[in-house]
Amino acid sequence: MKPLKLTHPSLTRKALLRKAETIPGAWYGIRIAGLLLLLTGWKTTAVSRLFGVSRQAIVDWVRKANSKGIDSVTRPLTSLRKLYVKRQKHWRPDKIRTFCKVT
């Protein structure tokens, strides 16, 4: 099996470091650090052990980075509250209103 490489032209060390300065959040920082290590020649298994994520997660990062470029670092986050409310189809409107109130 061939080793995974970052091949997208927008994925450079400089671009990733610039993106790291503008994006808040630890999870994005871990992803950027992982991509930087992969650019320097680290293997996916070593990066996954270092950050405590699965090797498959690193493979997914590489595939997404090769297809979307630098924009793959940030992903749209969905609100867990919205997902929870969507699952509660049996709720009546008054229960949903009570749940959605900001206290």
PDB file of N, CA and C in Angstrom:
ATOM      1  N   MET A   1       0.835  -1.174   0.000  1.00  0.00           N
ATOM      2  CA  MET A   1       0.000   0.000   0.000  1.00  0.00           C
ATOM      3  C   MET A   1       0.888   1.247   0.000  1.00  0.00           C
ATOM      4  N   LYS A   2       0.525   2.219  -0.825  1.00  0.00           N
ATOM      5  CA  LYS A   2       1.309   3.452  -0.906  1.00  0.00           C
ATOM      6  C   LYS A   2       1.041   4.335   0.313  1.00  0.00           C
ATOM      7  N   PRO A   3       2.069   5.008   0.815  1.00  0.00           N
ATOM      8  CA  PRO A   3       1.841   5.924   1.933  1.00  0.00           C
ATOM      9  C   PRO A   3       1.039   7.137   1.472  1.00  0.00           C
ATOM     10  N   LEU A   4       0.212   7.634   2.369  1.00  0.00           N
ATOM     11  CA  LEU A   4      -0.598   8.806   2.039  1.00  0.00           C
ATOM     12  C   LEU A   4       0.264  10.057   2.070  1.00  0.00           C
ATOM     13  N   LYS A   5       0.063  10.911   1.096  1.00  0.00           N
ATOM     14  CA  LYS A   5       0.794  12.172   1.026  1.00  0.00           C
ATOM     15  C   LYS A   5      -0.191  13.300   0.805  1.00  0.00           C
ATOM     16  N   LEU A   6       0.173  14.475   1.280  1.00  0.00           N
ATOM     17  CA  LEU A   6      -0.629  15.667   1.031  1.00  0.00           C
ATOM     18  C   LEU A   6      -0.206  16.234  -0.319  1.00  0.00           C
ATOM     19  N   THR A   7      -1.124  16.230  -1.265  1.00  0.00           N
ATOM     20  CA  THR A   7      -0.770  16.610  -2.631  1.00  0.00           C
ATOM     21  C   THR A   7      -1.423  17.897  -3.106  1.00  0.00           C
ATOM     22  N   HIS A   8      -2.350  18.449  -2.352  1.00  0.00           N
ATOM     23  CA  HIS A   8      -3.041  19.658  -2.809  1.00  0.00           C
ATOM     24  C   HIS A   8      -2.071  20.840  -2.796  1.00  0.00           C
ATOM     25  N   PRO A   9      -2.065  21.659  -3.865  1.00  0.00           N
ATOM     26  CA  PRO A   9      -1.090  22.761  -3.934  1.00  0.00           C
ATOM     27  C   PRO A   9      -1.286  23.846  -2.876  1.00  0.00           C
ATOM     28  N   SER A  10      -2.497  23.991  -2.324  1.00  0.00           N
ATOM     29  CA  SER A  10      -2.705  25.045  -1.329  1.00  0.00           C
ATOM     30  C   SER A  10      -2.230  24.635   0.065  1.00  0.00           C
ATOM     31  N   LEU A  11      -1.872  23.379   0.251  1.00  0.00           N
ATOM     32  CA  LEU A  11      -1.420  22.905   1.559  1.00  0.00           C
ATOM     33  C   LEU A  11       0.089  23.075   1.688  1.00  0.00           C
ATOM     34  N   THR A  12       0.472  24.235   2.165  1.00  0.00           N
ATOM     35  CA  THR A  12       1.882  24.500   2.422  1.00  0.00           C
ATOM     36  C   THR A  12       2.059  24.784   3.908  1.00  0.00           C
ATOM     37  N   ARG A  13       3.274  24.726   4.354  1.00  0.00           N
ATOM     38  CA  ARG A  13       3.564  24.991   5.763  1.00  0.00           C
ATOM     39  C   ARG A  13       3.126  26.402   6.142  1.00  0.00           C
ATOM     40  N   LYS A  14       3.438  27.345   5.277  1.00  0.00           N
ATOM     41  CA  LYS A  14       3.107  28.745   5.535  1.00  0.00           C
ATOM     42  C   LYS A  14       1.592  28.956   5.610  1.00  0.00           C
ATOM     43  N   ALA A  15       0.857  28.338   4.685  1.00  0.00           N
ATOM     44  CA  ALA A  15      -0.603  28.495   4.662  1.00  0.00           C
ATOM     45  C   ALA A  15      -1.244  27.872   5.901  1.00  0.00           C
ATOM     46  N   LEU A  16      -0.754  26.713   6.319  1.00  0.00           N
ATOM     47  CA  LEU A  16      -1.309  26.066   7.507  1.00  0.00           C
ATOM     48  C   LEU A  16      -1.015  26.870   8.771  1.00  0.00           C
ATOM     49  N   LEU A  17       0.190  27.426   8.875  1.00  0.00           N
ATOM     50  CA  LEU A  17       0.519  28.247  10.044  1.00  0.00           C
ATOM     51  C   LEU A  17      -0.311  29.526  10.071  1.00  0.00           C
ATOM     52  N   ARG A  18      -0.547  30.118   8.907  1.00  0.00           N
ATOM     53  CA  ARG A  18      -1.387  31.312   8.824  1.00  0.00           C
ATOM     54  C   ARG A  18      -2.816  30.984   9.260  1.00  0.00           C
ATOM     55  N   LYS A  19      -3.311  29.831   8.834  1.00  0.00           N
ATOM     56  CA  LYS A  19      -4.663  29.403   9.201  1.00  0.00           C
ATOM     57  C   LYS A  19      -4.751  29.141  10.701  1.00  0.00           C
ATOM     58  N   ALA A  20      -3.689  28.588  11.282  1.00  0.00           N
ATOM     59  CA  ALA A  20      -3.676  28.292  12.719  1.00  0.00           C
ATOM     60  C   ALA A  20      -3.772  29.563  13.557  1.00  0.00           C
ATOM     61  N   GLU A  21      -3.226  30.662  13.059  1.00  0.00           N
ATOM     62  CA  GLU A  21      -3.284  31.921  13.805  1.00  0.00           C
ATOM     63  C   GLU A  21      -4.669  32.542  13.781  1.00  0.00           C
ATOM     64  N   THR A  22      -5.461  32.232  12.767  1.00  0.00           N
ATOM     65  CA  THR A  22      -6.766  32.873  12.634  1.00  0.00           C
ATOM     66  C   THR A  22      -7.913  32.054  13.201  1.00  0.00           C
ATOM     67  N   ILE A  23      -7.719  30.755  13.413  1.00  0.00           N
ATOM     68  CA  ILE A  23      -8.814  29.893  13.861  1.00  0.00           C
ATOM     69  C   ILE A  23      -8.656  29.586  15.343  1.00  0.00           C
ATOM     70  N   PRO A  24      -9.670  29.921  16.162  1.00  0.00           N
ATOM     71  CA  PRO A  24      -9.611  29.519  17.563  1.00  0.00           C
ATOM     72  C   PRO A  24     -10.091  28.077  17.716  1.00  0.00           C
ATOM     73  N   GLY A  25      -9.639  27.436  18.743  1.00  0.00           N
ATOM     74  CA  GLY A  25     -10.122  26.091  19.031  1.00  0.00           C
ATOM     75  C   GLY A  25      -9.019  25.059  18.996  1.00  0.00           C
ATOM     76  N   ALA A  26      -9.028  24.196  19.994  1.00  0.00           N
ATOM     77  CA  ALA A  26      -7.972  23.196  20.117  1.00  0.00           C
ATOM     78  C   ALA A  26      -8.085  22.107  19.067  1.00  0.00           C
ATOM     79  N   TRP A  27      -9.311  21.703  18.727  1.00  0.00           N
ATOM     80  CA  TRP A  27      -9.451  20.599  17.783  1.00  0.00           C
ATOM     81  C   TRP A  27      -8.915  20.984  16.414  1.00  0.00           C
ATOM     82  N   TYR A  28      -9.172  22.219  15.994  1.00  0.00           N
ATOM     83  CA  TYR A  28      -8.622  22.677  14.715  1.00  0.00           C
ATOM     84  C   TYR A  28      -7.098  22.746  14.788  1.00  0.00           C
ATOM     85  N   GLY A  29      -6.584  23.146  15.942  1.00  0.00           N
ATOM     86  CA  GLY A  29      -5.136  23.201  16.117  1.00  0.00           C
ATOM     87  C   GLY A  29      -4.486  21.832  16.024  1.00  0.00           C
ATOM     88  N   ILE A  30      -5.155  20.823  16.575  1.00  0.00           N
ATOM     89  CA  ILE A  30      -4.632  19.455  16.482  1.00  0.00           C
ATOM     90  C   ILE A  30      -4.619  18.998  15.036  1.00  0.00           C
ATOM     91  N   ARG A  31      -5.680  19.307  14.319  1.00  0.00           N
ATOM     92  CA  ARG A  31      -5.745  18.903  12.909  1.00  0.00           C
ATOM     93  C   ARG A  31      -4.649  19.593  12.095  1.00  0.00           C
ATOM     94  N   ILE A  32      -4.447  20.887  12.341  1.00  0.00           N
ATOM     95  CA  ILE A  32      -3.407  21.624  11.617  1.00  0.00           C
ATOM     96  C   ILE A  32      -2.027  21.073  11.972  1.00  0.00           C
ATOM     97  N   ALA A  33      -1.795  20.806  13.258  1.00  0.00           N
ATOM     98  CA  ALA A  33      -0.504  20.250  13.676  1.00  0.00           C
ATOM     99  C   ALA A  33      -0.268  18.882  13.043  1.00  0.00           C
ATOM    100  N   GLY A  34      -1.312  18.072  12.967  1.00  0.00           N
ATOM    101  CA  GLY A  34      -1.183  16.764  12.325  1.00  0.00           C
ATOM    102  C   GLY A  34      -0.830  16.882  10.859  1.00  0.00           C
ATOM    103  N   LEU A  35      -1.474  17.815  10.165  1.00  0.00           N
ATOM    104  CA  LEU A  35      -1.166  18.013   8.743  1.00  0.00           C
ATOM    105  C   LEU A  35       0.255  18.542   8.556  1.00  0.00           C
ATOM    106  N   LEU A  36       0.700  19.408   9.470  1.00  0.00           N
ATOM    107  CA  LEU A  36       2.078  19.905   9.386  1.00  0.00           C
ATOM    108  C   LEU A  36       3.086  18.774   9.578  1.00  0.00           C
ATOM    109  N   LEU A  37       2.807  17.888  10.516  1.00  0.00           N
ATOM    110  CA  LEU A  37       3.712  16.754  10.723  1.00  0.00           C
ATOM    111  C   LEU A  37       3.726  15.831   9.513  1.00  0.00           C
ATOM    112  N   LEU A  38       2.569  15.633   8.896  1.00  0.00           N
ATOM    113  CA  LEU A  38       2.514  14.801   7.697  1.00  0.00           C
ATOM    114  C   LEU A  38       3.292  15.440   6.551  1.00  0.00           C
ATOM    115  N   LEU A  39       3.264  16.776   6.485  1.00  0.00           N
ATOM    116  CA  LEU A  39       4.038  17.469   5.449  1.00  0.00           C
ATOM    117  C   LEU A  39       5.541  17.272   5.645  1.00  0.00           C
ATOM    118  N   THR A  40       5.963  17.149   6.908  1.00  0.00           N
ATOM    119  CA  THR A  40       7.392  16.984   7.169  1.00  0.00           C
ATOM    120  C   THR A  40       7.862  15.543   7.038  1.00  0.00           C
ATOM    121  N   GLY A  41       6.929  14.624   6.784  1.00  0.00           N
ATOM    122  CA  GLY A  41       7.342  13.249   6.539  1.00  0.00           C
ATOM    123  C   GLY A  41       6.919  12.226   7.573  1.00  0.00           C
ATOM    124  N   TRP A  42       6.164  12.640   8.587  1.00  0.00           N
ATOM    125  CA  TRP A  42       5.697  11.684   9.581  1.00  0.00           C
ATOM    126  C   TRP A  42       4.705  10.720   8.948  1.00  0.00           C
ATOM    127  N   LYS A  43       4.604   9.530   9.511  1.00  0.00           N
ATOM    128  CA  LYS A  43       3.633   8.541   9.051  1.00  0.00           C
ATOM    129  C   LYS A  43       2.316   8.739   9.794  1.00  0.00           C
ATOM    130  N   THR A  44       1.238   8.281   9.170  1.00  0.00           N
ATOM    131  CA  THR A  44      -0.088   8.466   9.763  1.00  0.00           C
ATOM    132  C   THR A  44      -0.205   7.770  11.118  1.00  0.00           C
ATOM    133  N   THR A  45       0.416   6.622  11.271  1.00  0.00           N
ATOM    134  CA  THR A  45       0.332   5.917  12.558  1.00  0.00           C
ATOM    135  C   THR A  45       1.035   6.684  13.673  1.00  0.00           C
ATOM    136  N   ALA A  46       2.155   7.310  13.357  1.00  0.00           N
ATOM    137  CA  ALA A  46       2.876   8.088  14.367  1.00  0.00           C
ATOM    138  C   ALA A  46       2.071   9.315  14.783  1.00  0.00           C
ATOM    139  N   VAL A  47       1.439   9.974  13.819  1.00  0.00           N
ATOM    140  CA  VAL A  47       0.623  11.154  14.126  1.00  0.00           C
ATOM    141  C   VAL A  47      -0.589  10.743  14.955  1.00  0.00           C
ATOM    142  N   SER A  48      -1.203   9.621  14.616  1.00  0.00           N
ATOM    143  CA  SER A  48      -2.383   9.183  15.368  1.00  0.00           C
ATOM    144  C   SER A  48      -2.020   8.824  16.806  1.00  0.00           C
ATOM    145  N   ARG A  49      -0.868   8.212  17.007  1.00  0.00           N
ATOM    146  CA  ARG A  49      -0.429   7.893  18.375  1.00  0.00           C
ATOM    147  C   ARG A  49      -0.122   9.161  19.163  1.00  0.00           C
ATOM    148  N   LEU A  50       0.501  10.130  18.509  1.00  0.00           N
ATOM    149  CA  LEU A  50       0.879  11.369  19.184  1.00  0.00           C
ATOM    150  C   LEU A  50      -0.343  12.127  19.700  1.00  0.00           C
ATOM    151  N   PHE A  51      -1.378  12.222  18.874  1.00  0.00           N
ATOM    152  CA  PHE A  51      -2.552  13.010  19.240  1.00  0.00           C
ATOM    153  C   PHE A  51      -3.679  12.184  19.851  1.00  0.00           C
ATOM    154  N   GLY A  52      -3.527  10.877  19.885  1.00  0.00           N
ATOM    155  CA  GLY A  52      -4.539  10.045  20.517  1.00  0.00           C
ATOM    156  C   GLY A  52      -5.824   9.913  19.723  1.00  0.00           C
ATOM    157  N   VAL A  53      -5.722   9.983  18.406  1.00  0.00           N
ATOM    158  CA  VAL A  53      -6.886   9.759  17.545  1.00  0.00           C
ATOM    159  C   VAL A  53      -6.626   8.503  16.725  1.00  0.00           C
ATOM    160  N   SER A  54      -7.669   7.993  16.114  1.00  0.00           N
ATOM    161  CA  SER A  54      -7.498   6.762  15.343  1.00  0.00           C
ATOM    162  C   SER A  54      -6.723   7.036  14.053  1.00  0.00           C
ATOM    163  N   ARG A  55      -6.086   5.999  13.557  1.00  0.00           N
ATOM    164  CA  ARG A  55      -5.358   6.124  12.298  1.00  0.00           C
ATOM    165  C   ARG A  55      -6.320   6.452  11.168  1.00  0.00           C
ATOM    166  N   GLN A  56      -7.530   5.901  11.241  1.00  0.00           N
ATOM    167  CA  GLN A  56      -8.521   6.179  10.208  1.00  0.00           C
ATOM    168  C   GLN A  56      -8.903   7.659  10.193  1.00  0.00           C
ATOM    169  N   ALA A  57      -8.930   8.301  11.355  1.00  0.00           N
ATOM    170  CA  ALA A  57      -9.221   9.737  11.404  1.00  0.00           C
ATOM    171  C   ALA A  57      -8.145  10.523  10.661  1.00  0.00           C
ATOM    172  N   ILE A  58      -6.891  10.141  10.843  1.00  0.00           N
ATOM    173  CA  ILE A  58      -5.797  10.818  10.139  1.00  0.00           C
ATOM    174  C   ILE A  58      -5.918  10.584   8.637  1.00  0.00           C
ATOM    175  N   VAL A  59      -6.263   9.373   8.241  1.00  0.00           N
ATOM    176  CA  VAL A  59      -6.454   9.070   6.818  1.00  0.00           C
ATOM    177  C   VAL A  59      -7.584   9.925   6.253  1.00  0.00           C
ATOM    178  N   ASP A  60      -8.657  10.092   7.017  1.00  0.00           N
ATOM    179  CA  ASP A  60      -9.765  10.945   6.571  1.00  0.00           C
ATOM    180  C   ASP A  60      -9.323  12.400   6.434  1.00  0.00           C
ATOM    181  N   TRP A  61      -8.488  12.877   7.373  1.00  0.00           N
ATOM    182  CA  TRP A  61      -7.964  14.242   7.272  1.00  0.00           C
ATOM    183  C   TRP A  61      -7.179  14.413   5.983  1.00  0.00           C
ATOM    184  N   VAL A  62      -6.331  13.443   5.668  1.00  0.00           N
ATOM    185  CA  VAL A  62      -5.487  13.534   4.470  1.00  0.00           C
ATOM    186  C   VAL A  62      -6.350  13.516   3.215  1.00  0.00           C
ATOM    187  N   ARG A  63      -7.312  12.626   3.161  1.00  0.00           N
ATOM    188  CA  ARG A  63      -8.179  12.555   1.976  1.00  0.00           C
ATOM    189  C   ARG A  63      -8.964  13.842   1.786  1.00  0.00           C
ATOM    190  N   LYS A  64      -9.496  14.374   2.882  1.00  0.00           N
ATOM    191  CA  LYS A  64     -10.251  15.621   2.783  1.00  0.00           C
ATOM    192  C   LYS A  64      -9.331  16.774   2.395  1.00  0.00           C
ATOM    193  N   ALA A  65      -8.129  16.798   2.954  1.00  0.00           N
ATOM    194  CA  ALA A  65      -7.172  17.862   2.630  1.00  0.00           C
ATOM    195  C   ALA A  65      -6.751  17.791   1.168  1.00  0.00           C
ATOM    196  N   ASN A  66      -6.572  16.597   0.634  1.00  0.00           N
ATOM    197  CA  ASN A  66      -6.196  16.464  -0.774  1.00  0.00           C
ATOM    198  C   ASN A  66      -7.329  16.868  -1.704  1.00  0.00           C
ATOM    199  N   SER A  67      -8.562  16.725  -1.270  1.00  0.00           N
ATOM    200  CA  SER A  67      -9.676  17.095  -2.149  1.00  0.00           C
ATOM    201  C   SER A  67     -10.089  18.558  -1.993  1.00  0.00           C
ATOM    202  N   LYS A  68     -10.071  19.091  -0.758  1.00  0.00           N
ATOM    203  CA  LYS A  68     -10.560  20.456  -0.530  1.00  0.00           C
ATOM    204  C   LYS A  68      -9.468  21.487  -0.287  1.00  0.00           C
ATOM    205  N   GLY A  69      -8.272  21.045  -0.026  1.00  0.00           N
ATOM    206  CA  GLY A  69      -7.187  21.987   0.215  1.00  0.00           C
ATOM    207  C   GLY A  69      -7.207  22.552   1.620  1.00  0.00           C
ATOM    208  N   ILE A  70      -6.808  23.811   1.745  1.00  0.00           N
ATOM    209  CA  ILE A  70      -6.682  24.457   3.052  1.00  0.00           C
ATOM    210  C   ILE A  70      -8.037  24.617   3.734  1.00  0.00           C
ATOM    211  N   ASP A  71      -9.118  24.645   2.963  1.00  0.00           N
ATOM    212  CA  ASP A  71     -10.451  24.786   3.549  1.00  0.00           C
ATOM    213  C   ASP A  71     -10.903  23.535   4.288  1.00  0.00           C
ATOM    214  N   SER A  72     -10.203  22.438   4.127  1.00  0.00           N
ATOM    215  CA  SER A  72     -10.587  21.205   4.815  1.00  0.00           C
ATOM    216  C   SER A  72     -10.288  21.260   6.305  1.00  0.00           C
ATOM    217  N   VAL A  73      -9.458  22.208   6.718  1.00  0.00           N
ATOM    218  CA  VAL A  73      -9.092  22.302   8.131  1.00  0.00           C
ATOM    219  C   VAL A  73     -10.303  22.679   8.960  1.00  0.00           C
ATOM    220  N   THR A  74     -11.110  23.583   8.464  1.00  0.00           N
ATOM    221  CA  THR A  74     -12.320  23.977   9.175  1.00  0.00           C
ATOM    222  C   THR A  74     -13.494  23.236   8.581  1.00  0.00           C
ATOM    223  N   ARG A  75     -14.333  22.763   9.442  1.00  0.00           N
ATOM    224  CA  ARG A  75     -15.535  22.088   8.974  1.00  0.00           C
ATOM    225  C   ARG A  75     -16.715  22.730   9.674  1.00  0.00           C
ATOM    226  N   PRO A  76     -17.860  22.765   9.022  1.00  0.00           N
ATOM    227  CA  PRO A  76     -19.014  23.369   9.688  1.00  0.00           C
ATOM    228  C   PRO A  76     -19.449  22.512  10.870  1.00  0.00           C
ATOM    229  N   LEU A  77     -19.549  23.139  12.004  1.00  0.00           N
ATOM    230  CA  LEU A  77     -19.973  22.428  13.201  1.00  0.00           C
ATOM    231  C   LEU A  77     -21.486  22.505  13.321  1.00  0.00           C
ATOM    232  N   THR A  78     -22.107  21.406  13.619  1.00  0.00           N
ATOM    233  CA  THR A  78     -23.552  21.399  13.806  1.00  0.00           C
ATOM    234  C   THR A  78     -23.849  21.529  15.284  1.00  0.00           C
ATOM    235  N   SER A  79     -24.926  22.166  15.568  1.00  0.00           N
ATOM    236  CA  SER A  79     -25.326  22.341  16.949  1.00  0.00           C
ATOM    237  C   SER A  79     -25.897  21.035  17.482  1.00  0.00           C
ATOM    238  N   LEU A  80     -25.386  20.582  18.599  1.00  0.00           N
ATOM    239  CA  LEU A  80     -25.900  19.354  19.201  1.00  0.00           C
ATOM    240  C   LEU A  80     -27.335  19.536  19.658  1.00  0.00           C
ATOM    241  N   ARG A  81     -27.668  20.744  20.048  1.00  0.00           N
ATOM    242  CA  ARG A  81     -29.034  21.006  20.483  1.00  0.00           C
ATOM    243  C   ARG A  81     -30.003  20.797  19.323  1.00  0.00           C
ATOM    244  N   LYS A  82     -29.654  21.283  18.123  1.00  0.00           N
ATOM    245  CA  LYS A  82     -30.521  21.093  16.964  1.00  0.00           C
ATOM    246  C   LYS A  82     -30.676  19.616  16.646  1.00  0.00           C
ATOM    247  N   LEU A  83     -29.581  18.868  16.716  1.00  0.00           N
ATOM    248  CA  LEU A  83     -29.653  17.440  16.444  1.00  0.00           C
ATOM    249  C   LEU A  83     -30.521  16.734  17.472  1.00  0.00           C
ATOM    250  N   TYR A  84     -30.439  17.149  18.725  1.00  0.00           N
ATOM    251  CA  TYR A  84     -31.224  16.526  19.775  1.00  0.00           C
ATOM    252  C   TYR A  84     -32.706  16.801  19.567  1.00  0.00           C
ATOM    253  N   VAL A  85     -33.042  18.046  19.228  1.00  0.00           N
ATOM    254  CA  VAL A  85     -34.444  18.402  19.012  1.00  0.00           C
ATOM    255  C   VAL A  85     -34.995  17.669  17.797  1.00  0.00           C
ATOM    256  N   LYS A  86     -34.192  17.502  16.744  1.00  0.00           N
ATOM    257  CA  LYS A  86     -34.671  16.788  15.563  1.00  0.00           C
ATOM    258  C   LYS A  86     -35.033  15.348  15.896  1.00  0.00           C
ATOM    259  N   ARG A  87     -34.305  14.735  16.819  1.00  0.00           N
ATOM    260  CA  ARG A  87     -34.567  13.344  17.167  1.00  0.00           C
ATOM    261  C   ARG A  87     -35.832  13.188  18.003  1.00  0.00           C
ATOM    262  N   GLN A  88     -36.258  14.243  18.654  1.00  0.00           N
ATOM    263  CA  GLN A  88     -37.413  14.166  19.540  1.00  0.00           C
ATOM    264  C   GLN A  88     -38.693  14.494  18.779  1.00  0.00           C
ATOM    265  N   LYS A  89     -39.067  13.650  17.845  1.00  0.00           N
ATOM    266  CA  LYS A  89     -40.249  13.910  17.021  1.00  0.00           C
ATOM    267  C   LYS A  89     -41.542  13.788  17.810  1.00  0.00           C
ATOM    268  N   HIS A  90     -41.529  13.052  18.892  1.00  0.00           N
ATOM    269  CA  HIS A  90     -42.745  12.864  19.673  1.00  0.00           C
ATOM    270  C   HIS A  90     -43.034  14.041  20.595  1.00  0.00           C
ATOM    271  N   TRP A  91     -42.156  14.997  20.661  1.00  0.00           N
ATOM    272  CA  TRP A  91     -42.376  16.139  21.527  1.00  0.00           C
ATOM    273  C   TRP A  91     -43.474  17.033  20.969  1.00  0.00           C
ATOM    274  N   ARG A  92     -44.232  17.596  21.879  1.00  0.00           N
ATOM    275  CA  ARG A  92     -45.247  18.578  21.487  1.00  0.00           C
ATOM    276  C   ARG A  92     -44.575  19.947  21.390  1.00  0.00           C
ATOM    277  N   PRO A  93     -45.210  20.895  20.710  1.00  0.00           N
ATOM    278  CA  PRO A  93     -44.598  22.226  20.558  1.00  0.00           C
ATOM    279  C   PRO A  93     -44.261  22.906  21.880  1.00  0.00           C
ATOM    280  N   ASP A  94     -45.099  22.727  22.918  1.00  0.00           N
ATOM    281  CA  ASP A  94     -44.801  23.380  24.194  1.00  0.00           C
ATOM    282  C   ASP A  94     -43.531  22.808  24.834  1.00  0.00           C
ATOM    283  N   LYS A  95     -43.282  21.507  24.659  1.00  0.00           N
ATOM    284  CA  LYS A  95     -42.055  20.918  25.193  1.00  0.00           C
ATOM    285  C   LYS A  95     -40.835  21.427  24.428  1.00  0.00           C
ATOM    286  N   ILE A  96     -40.970  21.564  23.134  1.00  0.00           N
ATOM    287  CA  ILE A  96     -39.850  22.061  22.330  1.00  0.00           C
ATOM    288  C   ILE A  96     -39.551  23.509  22.691  1.00  0.00           C
ATOM    289  N   ARG A  97     -40.599  24.330  22.875  1.00  0.00           N
ATOM    290  CA  ARG A  97     -40.395  25.723  23.262  1.00  0.00           C
ATOM    291  C   ARG A  97     -39.665  25.810  24.600  1.00  0.00           C
ATOM    292  N   THR A  98     -40.058  24.971  25.548  1.00  0.00           N
ATOM    293  CA  THR A  98     -39.414  24.962  26.862  1.00  0.00           C
ATOM    294  C   THR A  98     -37.952  24.554  26.744  1.00  0.00           C
ATOM    295  N   PHE A  99     -37.680  23.574  25.926  1.00  0.00           N
ATOM    296  CA  PHE A  99     -36.309  23.098  25.751  1.00  0.00           C
ATOM    297  C   PHE A  99     -35.426  24.157  25.106  1.00  0.00           C
ATOM    298  N   CYS A 100     -35.976  24.913  24.162  1.00  0.00           N
ATOM    299  CA  CYS A 100     -35.180  25.874  23.395  1.00  0.00           C
ATOM    300  C   CYS A 100     -34.995  27.208  24.097  1.00  0.00           C
ATOM    301  N   LYS A 101     -35.671  27.438  25.230  1.00  0.00           N
ATOM    302  CA  LYS A 101     -35.505  28.702  25.941  1.00  0.00           C
ATOM    303  C   LYS A 101     -34.084  28.823  26.459  1.00  0.00           C
ATOM    304  N   VAL A 102     -33.529  29.992  26.293  1.00  0.00           N
ATOM    305  CA  VAL A 102     -32.186  30.267  26.803  1.00  0.00           C
ATOM    306  C   VAL A 102     -32.336  30.826  28.204  1.00  0.00           C
ATOM    307  N   THR A 103     -31.696  30.178  29.156  1.00  0.00           N
ATOM    308  CA  THR A 103     -31.820  30.635  30.549  1.00  0.00           C
ATOM    309  C   THR A 103     -30.566  31.307  31.006  1.00  0.00           C
TER     310      THR A 103
END
